[in-house]
C-alpha atoms as a PDB file:
ATOM      1  CA  MET A   1       3.347 -72.991 -47.458  1.00  0.00           C
ATOM      2  CA  ASN A   2       4.916 -70.688 -49.744  1.00  0.00           C
ATOM      3  CA  MET A   3       3.146 -68.857 -52.991  1.00  0.00           C
ATOM      4  CA  ASP A   4       4.004 -72.302 -55.249  1.00  0.00           C
ATOM      5  CA  THR A   5       2.302 -74.098 -52.796  1.00  0.00           C
ATOM      6  CA  GLN A   6      -0.830 -71.838 -52.990  1.00  0.00           C
ATOM      7  CA  SER A   7      -1.067 -72.322 -56.474  1.00  0.00           C
ATOM      8  CA  GLN A   8      -1.097 -76.053 -56.107  1.00  0.00           C
ATOM      9  CA  ILE A   9      -4.021 -75.939 -53.828  1.00  0.00           C
ATOM     10  CA  THR A  10      -7.144 -76.659 -56.220  1.00  0.00           C
ATOM     11  CA  THR A  11     -10.683 -76.257 -55.513  1.00  0.00           C
ATOM     12  CA  LYS A  12     -11.250 -79.919 -55.720  1.00  0.00           C
ATOM     13  CA  LYS A  13      -8.769 -80.137 -52.726  1.00  0.00           C
ATOM     14  CA  LEU A  14     -10.214 -77.248 -50.762  1.00  0.00           C
ATOM     15  CA  ASN A  15     -13.603 -79.072 -51.116  1.00  0.00           C
ATOM     16  CA  LYS A  16     -12.134 -81.963 -49.939  1.00  0.00           C
ATOM     17  CA  VAL A  17     -10.677 -80.494 -46.815  1.00  0.00           C
ATOM     18  CA  LYS A  18     -14.057 -78.388 -46.397  1.00  0.00           C
ATOM     19  CA  ALA A  19     -15.979 -81.619 -46.631  1.00  0.00           C
ATOM     20  CA  LEU A  20     -14.206 -83.128 -43.507  1.00  0.00           C
ATOM     21  CA  LEU A  21     -14.361 -80.520 -41.297  1.00  0.00           C
ATOM     22  CA  PRO A  22     -17.098 -80.821 -38.492  1.00  0.00           C
ATOM     23  CA  THR A  23     -20.046 -78.930 -38.346  1.00  0.00           C
ATOM     24  CA  GLY A  24     -19.542 -75.554 -36.696  1.00  0.00           C
ATOM     25  CA  SER A  25     -16.083 -75.341 -38.188  1.00  0.00           C
ATOM     26  CA  MET A  26     -16.430 -72.463 -40.477  1.00  0.00           C
ATOM     27  CA  GLU A  27     -17.089 -70.228 -37.503  1.00  0.00           C
ATOM     28  CA  LYS A  28     -14.190 -71.313 -35.801  1.00  0.00           C
ATOM     29  CA  ILE A  29     -11.956 -70.763 -38.285  1.00  0.00           C
ATOM     30  CA  ALA A  30     -12.954 -67.422 -38.517  1.00  0.00           C
ATOM     31  CA  ASP A  31     -13.115 -66.713 -34.882  1.00  0.00           C
ATOM     32  CA  SER A  32      -9.735 -68.064 -34.448  1.00  0.00           C
ATOM     33  CA  LEU A  33      -8.517 -66.246 -37.448  1.00  0.00           C
ATOM     34  CA  ASN A  34     -10.315 -63.109 -36.623  1.00  0.00           C
ATOM     35  CA  ILE A  35     -11.945 -62.683 -39.818  1.00  0.00           C
ATOM     36  CA  SER A  36     -15.627 -63.500 -41.310  1.00  0.00           C
ATOM     37  CA  VAL A  37     -17.159 -66.459 -41.984  1.00  0.00           C
ATOM     38  CA  SER A  38     -17.596 -65.183 -45.472  1.00  0.00           C
ATOM     39  CA  THR A  39     -13.803 -64.851 -45.839  1.00  0.00           C
ATOM     40  CA  VAL A  40     -13.275 -68.389 -44.929  1.00  0.00           C
ATOM     41  CA  SER A  41     -16.159 -69.609 -47.685  1.00  0.00           C
ATOM     42  CA  ASN A  42     -14.416 -67.559 -49.958  1.00  0.00           C
ATOM     43  CA  VAL A  43     -10.898 -69.468 -49.296  1.00  0.00           C
ATOM     44  CA  PHE A  44     -12.668 -72.921 -49.493  1.00  0.00           C
ATOM     45  CA  SER A  45     -14.440 -71.667 -52.979  1.00  0.00           C
ATOM     46  CA  GLY A  46     -11.049 -70.511 -54.295  1.00  0.00           C
ATOM     47  CA  ARG A  47     -11.881 -67.091 -54.644  1.00  0.00           C
ATOM     48  CA  ASN A  48      -9.771 -66.121 -52.053  1.00  0.00           C
ATOM     49  CA  LYS A  49      -6.119 -66.943 -52.147  1.00  0.00           C
ATOM     50  CA  LYS A  50      -4.579 -64.722 -49.690  1.00  0.00           C
ATOM     51  CA  GLN A  51      -5.366 -66.232 -46.803  1.00  0.00           C
ATOM     52  CA  VAL A  52      -5.566 -70.014 -47.730  1.00  0.00           C
ATOM     53  CA  ASN A  53      -2.259 -70.746 -45.673  1.00  0.00           C
ATOM     54  CA  ASP A  54      -3.697 -69.587 -42.535  1.00  0.00           C
ATOM     55  CA  VAL A  55      -7.392 -71.027 -43.253  1.00  0.00           C
ATOM     56  CA  LEU A  56      -6.264 -74.267 -44.645  1.00  0.00           C
ATOM     57  CA  ALA A  57      -3.749 -74.671 -41.403  1.00  0.00           C
ATOM     58  CA  ARG A  58      -6.671 -74.258 -39.019  1.00  0.00           C
ATOM     59  CA  ALA A  59      -8.949 -76.331 -40.805  1.00  0.00           C
ATOM     60  CA  LEU A  60      -6.302 -79.025 -40.758  1.00  0.00           C
ATOM     61  CA  THR A  61      -5.856 -78.994 -37.008  1.00  0.00           C
ATOM     62  CA  ILE A  62      -9.799 -78.934 -36.555  1.00  0.00           C
ATOM     63  CA  ILE A  63      -9.996 -82.176 -38.669  1.00  0.00           C
ATOM     64  CA  GLU A  64      -7.190 -83.509 -36.254  1.00  0.00           C
ATOM     65  CA  GLU A  65      -8.541 -82.483 -33.454  1.00  0.00           C
ATOM     66  CA  ASP A  66     -12.074 -84.096 -34.742  1.00  0.00           C
ATOM     67  CA  LYS A  67     -10.331 -87.494 -35.520  1.00  0.00           C
ATOM     68  CA  LYS A  68      -8.779 -87.556 -31.847  1.00  0.00           C
ATOM     69  CA  GLU A  69     -11.734 -87.141 -30.282  1.00  0.00           C
ATOM     70  CA  LYS A  70     -13.703 -89.709 -32.087  1.00  0.00           C
ATOM     71  CA  SER A  71     -10.952 -92.063 -31.697  1.00  0.00           C
ATOM     72  CA  GLU A  72     -10.893 -91.555 -27.928  1.00  0.00           C
ATOM     73  CA  LEU A  73     -14.723 -91.845 -28.056  1.00  0.00           C
ATOM     74  CA  ALA A  74     -14.470 -95.178 -29.766  1.00  0.00           C
ATOM     75  CA  ASN A  75     -12.058 -96.546 -26.984  1.00  0.00           C
ATOM     76  CA  LYS A  76     -14.101 -95.484 -24.023  1.00  0.00           C
ATOM     77  CA  ILE A  77     -17.191 -97.206 -25.639  1.00  0.00           C
ATOM     78  CA  GLU A  78     -15.061-100.424 -26.186  1.00  0.00           C
ATOM     79  CA  LEU A  79     -14.529-100.570 -22.615  1.00  0.00           C
ATOM     80  CA  LEU A  80     -18.188-100.191 -21.308  1.00  0.00           C
END
């Protein structure tokens, strides 16, 4: 994402991404990026735009991993 993309990311979109994150993701994002949970929270509230690209990239990865895990679990349950 470049600066133009950053300016297009609204607080509403950030809240949508945040709502899709599984429990504990804020800590996971902070740990993986070596930043504080407060910084991650500030990104999602729109108060920190400097790290939005990194935080969003990690958040989207976590969401995709969670979807995949849930799908695999659902498939296993179907096989029971």
